[in-house]
Amino acid sequence: MASRRRKPNPAAPRGVSATPATSAGQFLPNLEEFVIHGEGQIAIGAIKPIACAAIANDGHNMLAALVRRPDETLRQLLERLDRAVQLALEDDVFTDEINAPAPSSRR
């Protein structure tokens, strides 16, 4: 019996696949509006001595400063940041888990 050679299958594309267009405005909608359509910025990473923090600010104010919780995933941290930005923009409630509160000035 004669053997037939098969064409090799093309290799699957490598790298990260793009987010489907259907989910593009649903994940982190407040951060998307704040960063892409507004004038805000976010930073995520180490701020010594904090191992991982997420900060959202605009040109004038820090809207949120969060510290990553033990066993919290990056996605969960970003979701908390999204909610904190929403609170700041809609209700003027600013979340700060990094800086100690200023001492009250009682005399």
N, C-alpha and C. Protein backbone atom coordinates (compact mmCIF):
# COMPACT_ATOMS: atom_id res chain seq x y z
N MET A 1 0.83 -1.16 0.00
CA MET A 1 0.00 0.00 0.00
C MET A 1 0.89 1.24 0.00
N ALA A 2 0.58 2.14 -0.87
CA ALA A 2 1.36 3.37 -0.98
C ALA A 2 0.98 4.33 0.13
N SER A 3 1.99 4.96 0.69
CA SER A 3 1.68 5.94 1.75
C SER A 3 1.39 7.29 1.12
N ARG A 4 0.46 7.96 1.71
CA ARG A 4 0.13 9.31 1.23
C ARG A 4 0.67 10.31 2.24
N ARG A 5 1.33 11.28 1.73
CA ARG A 5 1.86 12.33 2.62
C ARG A 5 0.76 13.33 2.90
N ARG A 6 0.63 13.67 4.13
CA ARG A 6 -0.33 14.70 4.52
C ARG A 6 0.36 16.05 4.53
N LYS A 7 -0.40 17.04 4.18
CA LYS A 7 0.12 18.40 4.32
C LYS A 7 0.16 18.72 5.80
N PRO A 8 1.23 19.31 6.26
CA PRO A 8 1.25 19.68 7.67
C PRO A 8 0.21 20.77 7.95
N ASN A 9 -0.39 20.69 9.11
CA ASN A 9 -1.34 21.72 9.51
C ASN A 9 -0.58 23.01 9.78
N PRO A 10 -1.12 24.14 9.35
CA PRO A 10 -0.43 25.40 9.66
C PRO A 10 -0.38 25.59 11.17
N ALA A 11 0.71 26.14 11.61
CA ALA A 11 0.87 26.36 13.05
C ALA A 11 -0.16 27.35 13.55
N ALA A 12 -0.63 27.09 14.73
CA ALA A 12 -1.59 28.02 15.35
C ALA A 12 -0.87 29.35 15.62
N PRO A 13 -1.58 30.46 15.48
CA PRO A 13 -0.93 31.74 15.76
C PRO A 13 -0.44 31.79 17.20
N ARG A 14 0.69 32.41 17.39
CA ARG A 14 1.25 32.51 18.74
C ARG A 14 1.02 33.89 19.29
N GLY A 15 1.09 34.00 20.59
CA GLY A 15 0.91 35.29 21.24
C GLY A 15 -0.46 35.38 21.88
N VAL A 16 -0.74 36.55 22.37
CA VAL A 16 -1.98 36.79 23.09
C VAL A 16 -3.08 37.08 22.09
N SER A 17 -4.21 36.44 22.27
CA SER A 17 -5.32 36.71 21.37
C SER A 17 -6.02 37.99 21.78
N ALA A 18 -6.58 38.67 20.82
CA ALA A 18 -7.27 39.93 21.08
C ALA A 18 -8.57 39.68 21.82
N THR A 19 -8.99 40.65 22.58
CA THR A 19 -10.26 40.58 23.27
C THR A 19 -11.38 40.68 22.25
N PRO A 20 -12.36 39.81 22.31
CA PRO A 20 -13.46 39.91 21.36
C PRO A 20 -14.14 41.27 21.46
N ALA A 21 -14.59 41.80 20.34
CA ALA A 21 -15.21 43.12 20.32
C ALA A 21 -16.45 43.17 21.18
N THR A 22 -17.14 42.04 21.35
CA THR A 22 -18.36 42.05 22.13
C THR A 22 -18.10 42.32 23.60
N SER A 23 -16.91 41.99 24.11
CA SER A 23 -16.66 42.22 25.53
C SER A 23 -15.86 43.50 25.75
N ALA A 24 -15.48 44.19 24.69
CA ALA A 24 -14.61 45.35 24.81
C ALA A 24 -15.21 46.47 25.64
N GLY A 25 -16.22 46.83 25.89
CA GLY A 25 -16.65 47.94 26.75
C GLY A 25 -17.23 47.47 28.03
N GLN A 26 -17.24 46.17 28.30
CA GLN A 26 -17.90 45.66 29.49
C GLN A 26 -16.94 45.47 30.66
N PHE A 27 -15.70 45.19 30.41
CA PHE A 27 -14.73 44.98 31.48
C PHE A 27 -14.12 46.31 31.87
N LEU A 28 -14.25 46.69 33.11
CA LEU A 28 -13.69 47.93 33.66
C LEU A 28 -14.21 49.19 32.94
N PRO A 29 -15.51 49.36 32.85
CA PRO A 29 -16.05 50.49 32.10
C PRO A 29 -15.66 51.85 32.67
N ASN A 30 -15.53 51.96 33.98
CA ASN A 30 -15.17 53.25 34.59
C ASN A 30 -13.73 53.62 34.31
N LEU A 31 -12.83 52.62 34.37
CA LEU A 31 -11.44 52.89 34.03
C LEU A 31 -11.29 53.23 32.56
N GLU A 32 -12.06 52.55 31.71
CA GLU A 32 -12.00 52.85 30.29
C GLU A 32 -12.41 54.30 30.03
N GLU A 33 -13.49 54.72 30.63
CA GLU A 33 -13.95 56.10 30.45
C GLU A 33 -12.93 57.08 31.03
N PHE A 34 -12.40 56.78 32.20
CA PHE A 34 -11.47 57.65 32.90
C PHE A 34 -10.15 57.81 32.15
N VAL A 35 -9.61 56.72 31.63
CA VAL A 35 -8.30 56.75 30.99
C VAL A 35 -8.38 57.06 29.49
N ILE A 36 -9.23 56.36 28.78
CA ILE A 36 -9.27 56.50 27.32
C ILE A 36 -10.05 57.72 26.88
N HIS A 37 -11.17 57.99 27.53
CA HIS A 37 -12.02 59.09 27.09
C HIS A 37 -11.90 60.32 27.99
N GLY A 38 -11.28 60.17 29.13
CA GLY A 38 -11.11 61.29 30.04
C GLY A 38 -9.66 61.73 30.04
N GLU A 39 -9.26 62.30 31.14
CA GLU A 39 -7.87 62.76 31.24
C GLU A 39 -7.18 62.13 32.44
N GLY A 40 -7.52 60.88 32.72
CA GLY A 40 -6.95 60.22 33.87
C GLY A 40 -5.85 59.25 33.49
N GLN A 41 -5.19 58.76 34.52
CA GLN A 41 -4.17 57.75 34.33
C GLN A 41 -4.20 56.79 35.50
N ILE A 42 -3.71 55.58 35.26
CA ILE A 42 -3.60 54.59 36.33
C ILE A 42 -2.17 54.07 36.36
N ALA A 43 -1.75 53.64 37.53
CA ALA A 43 -0.44 53.01 37.70
C ALA A 43 -0.63 51.78 38.58
N ILE A 44 0.05 50.71 38.21
CA ILE A 44 -0.03 49.46 38.97
C ILE A 44 1.38 48.94 39.15
N GLY A 45 1.73 48.61 40.38
CA GLY A 45 3.05 48.05 40.64
C GLY A 45 3.50 48.31 42.05
N ALA A 46 4.78 48.10 42.26
CA ALA A 46 5.36 48.25 43.60
C ALA A 46 5.61 49.73 43.90
N ILE A 47 5.25 50.10 45.09
CA ILE A 47 5.57 51.42 45.64
C ILE A 47 6.15 51.12 47.02
N LYS A 48 7.44 51.09 47.11
CA LYS A 48 8.10 50.66 48.34
C LYS A 48 7.54 51.38 49.54
N PRO A 49 7.21 50.70 50.59
CA PRO A 49 7.40 49.28 50.90
C PRO A 49 6.23 48.40 50.47
N ILE A 50 5.29 48.93 49.71
CA ILE A 50 4.12 48.17 49.29
C ILE A 50 4.48 47.33 48.06
N ALA A 51 4.19 46.03 48.12
CA ALA A 51 4.56 45.12 47.04
C ALA A 51 3.75 45.36 45.77
N CYS A 52 2.47 45.70 45.92
CA CYS A 52 1.64 45.94 44.74
C CYS A 52 0.52 46.89 45.10
N ALA A 53 0.41 47.95 44.32
CA ALA A 53 -0.64 48.95 44.53
C ALA A 53 -1.22 49.33 43.18
N ALA A 54 -2.41 49.90 43.22
CA ALA A 54 -3.07 50.42 42.02
C ALA A 54 -3.56 51.83 42.35
N ILE A 55 -3.18 52.78 41.50
CA ILE A 55 -3.50 54.18 41.76
C ILE A 55 -4.16 54.77 40.52
N ALA A 56 -5.19 55.57 40.74
CA ALA A 56 -5.87 56.30 39.66
C ALA A 56 -5.84 57.77 40.02
N ASN A 57 -5.38 58.59 39.08
CA ASN A 57 -5.37 60.03 39.32
C ASN A 57 -5.60 60.79 38.02
N ASP A 58 -6.03 62.03 38.18
CA ASP A 58 -6.14 62.91 37.03
C ASP A 58 -5.12 64.03 37.23
N GLY A 59 -5.22 65.08 36.48
CA GLY A 59 -4.24 66.16 36.59
C GLY A 59 -4.27 66.90 37.91
N HIS A 60 -5.32 66.70 38.71
CA HIS A 60 -5.47 67.48 39.94
C HIS A 60 -5.58 66.64 41.20
N ASN A 61 -6.17 65.47 41.12
CA ASN A 61 -6.48 64.69 42.32
C ASN A 61 -6.13 63.21 42.16
N MET A 62 -5.84 62.59 43.29
CA MET A 62 -5.74 61.14 43.34
C MET A 62 -7.14 60.63 43.68
N LEU A 63 -7.73 59.88 42.78
CA LEU A 63 -9.09 59.39 43.01
C LEU A 63 -9.10 58.13 43.85
N ALA A 64 -8.09 57.27 43.65
CA ALA A 64 -8.04 56.01 44.40
C ALA A 64 -6.61 55.53 44.51
N ALA A 65 -6.28 54.97 45.66
CA ALA A 65 -4.98 54.34 45.90
C ALA A 65 -5.26 53.05 46.68
N LEU A 66 -5.10 51.93 46.01
CA LEU A 66 -5.43 50.65 46.61
C LEU A 66 -4.20 49.79 46.81
N VAL A 67 -4.22 49.00 47.87
CA VAL A 67 -3.16 48.03 48.15
C VAL A 67 -3.71 46.65 47.82
N ARG A 68 -2.92 45.88 47.05
CA ARG A 68 -3.35 44.52 46.69
C ARG A 68 -3.47 43.69 47.95
N ARG A 69 -4.58 43.01 48.08
CA ARG A 69 -4.85 42.16 49.25
C ARG A 69 -4.19 40.80 49.06
N PRO A 70 -3.92 40.09 50.17
CA PRO A 70 -3.36 38.74 50.03
C PRO A 70 -4.30 37.87 49.18
N ASP A 71 -3.74 37.13 48.27
CA ASP A 71 -4.48 36.22 47.38
C ASP A 71 -5.40 36.93 46.39
N GLU A 72 -5.32 38.25 46.29
CA GLU A 72 -6.13 38.98 45.32
C GLU A 72 -5.45 38.91 43.96
N THR A 73 -6.21 38.57 42.92
CA THR A 73 -5.65 38.52 41.58
C THR A 73 -5.55 39.93 41.01
N LEU A 74 -4.79 40.07 39.95
CA LEU A 74 -4.69 41.37 39.29
C LEU A 74 -6.06 41.80 38.78
N ARG A 75 -6.80 40.87 38.25
CA ARG A 75 -8.15 41.19 37.76
C ARG A 75 -9.02 41.72 38.89
N GLN A 76 -8.97 41.10 40.05
CA GLN A 76 -9.77 41.56 41.19
C GLN A 76 -9.32 42.95 41.65
N LEU A 77 -8.02 43.19 41.65
CA LEU A 77 -7.51 44.51 42.02
C LEU A 77 -8.01 45.56 41.03
N LEU A 78 -7.96 45.25 39.74
CA LEU A 78 -8.46 46.20 38.73
C LEU A 78 -9.96 46.42 38.86
N GLU A 79 -10.70 45.39 39.21
CA GLU A 79 -12.15 45.56 39.40
C GLU A 79 -12.43 46.45 40.60
N ARG A 80 -11.65 46.30 41.67
CA ARG A 80 -11.80 47.20 42.83
C ARG A 80 -11.44 48.63 42.45
N LEU A 81 -10.38 48.79 41.65
CA LEU A 81 -9.98 50.13 41.21
C LEU A 81 -11.07 50.74 40.35
N ASP A 82 -11.69 49.95 39.50
CA ASP A 82 -12.79 50.43 38.67
C ASP A 82 -13.93 50.95 39.53
N ARG A 83 -14.29 50.19 40.57
CA ARG A 83 -15.37 50.62 41.48
C ARG A 83 -14.97 51.87 42.26
N ALA A 84 -13.71 51.94 42.68
CA ALA A 84 -13.24 53.11 43.42
C ALA A 84 -13.25 54.37 42.56
N VAL A 85 -12.89 54.24 41.30
CA VAL A 85 -12.94 55.39 40.37
C VAL A 85 -14.39 55.82 40.18
N GLN A 86 -15.28 54.86 40.08
CA GLN A 86 -16.70 55.20 39.94
C GLN A 86 -17.19 55.97 41.16
N LEU A 87 -16.83 55.52 42.35
CA LEU A 87 -17.22 56.23 43.58
C LEU A 87 -16.69 57.66 43.59
N ALA A 88 -15.45 57.82 43.16
CA ALA A 88 -14.84 59.15 43.15
C ALA A 88 -15.53 60.07 42.15
N LEU A 89 -15.78 59.56 40.95
CA LEU A 89 -16.36 60.41 39.91
C LEU A 89 -17.83 60.73 40.16
N GLU A 90 -18.57 59.77 40.69
CA GLU A 90 -20.01 59.96 40.86
C GLU A 90 -20.39 60.51 42.23
N ASP A 91 -19.66 60.14 43.28
CA ASP A 91 -20.07 60.50 44.64
C ASP A 91 -19.03 61.30 45.41
N ASP A 92 -17.92 61.66 44.77
CA ASP A 92 -16.83 62.38 45.44
C ASP A 92 -16.32 61.64 46.69
N VAL A 93 -16.29 60.31 46.61
CA VAL A 93 -15.73 59.47 47.67
C VAL A 93 -14.39 58.97 47.17
N PHE A 94 -13.31 59.40 47.82
CA PHE A 94 -11.96 59.06 47.39
C PHE A 94 -11.41 57.97 48.31
N THR A 95 -10.89 56.91 47.72
CA THR A 95 -10.39 55.75 48.46
C THR A 95 -8.87 55.82 48.54
N ASP A 96 -8.33 55.77 49.76
CA ASP A 96 -6.89 55.81 49.94
C ASP A 96 -6.48 54.76 50.96
N GLU A 97 -5.94 53.65 50.49
CA GLU A 97 -5.47 52.58 51.37
C GLU A 97 -3.96 52.68 51.60
N ILE A 98 -3.31 53.67 51.02
CA ILE A 98 -1.86 53.77 51.12
C ILE A 98 -1.41 54.78 52.16
N ASN A 99 -1.92 55.97 52.08
CA ASN A 99 -1.48 57.06 52.96
C ASN A 99 -2.26 57.04 54.27
N ALA A 100 -1.55 57.29 55.35
CA ALA A 100 -2.19 57.38 56.66
C ALA A 100 -3.06 58.62 56.70
N PRO A 101 -4.21 58.54 57.37
CA PRO A 101 -5.05 59.74 57.47
C PRO A 101 -4.33 60.84 58.23
N ALA A 102 -4.60 62.07 57.85
CA ALA A 102 -3.99 63.22 58.53
C ALA A 102 -4.54 63.30 59.94
N PRO A 103 -3.67 63.60 60.90
CA PRO A 103 -4.15 63.71 62.28
C PRO A 103 -5.14 64.87 62.41
N SER A 104 -6.14 64.66 63.25
CA SER A 104 -7.11 65.72 63.44
C SER A 104 -6.45 66.88 64.19
N SER A 105 -6.89 68.08 63.90
CA SER A 105 -6.28 69.26 64.54
C SER A 105 -7.16 69.73 65.68
N ARG A 106 -7.01 69.07 66.83
CA ARG A 106 -7.75 69.48 68.03
C ARG A 106 -6.82 70.29 68.91
N ARG A 107 -7.36 71.31 69.46
CA ARG A 107 -6.56 72.16 70.38
C ARG A 107 -7.21 72.27 71.70
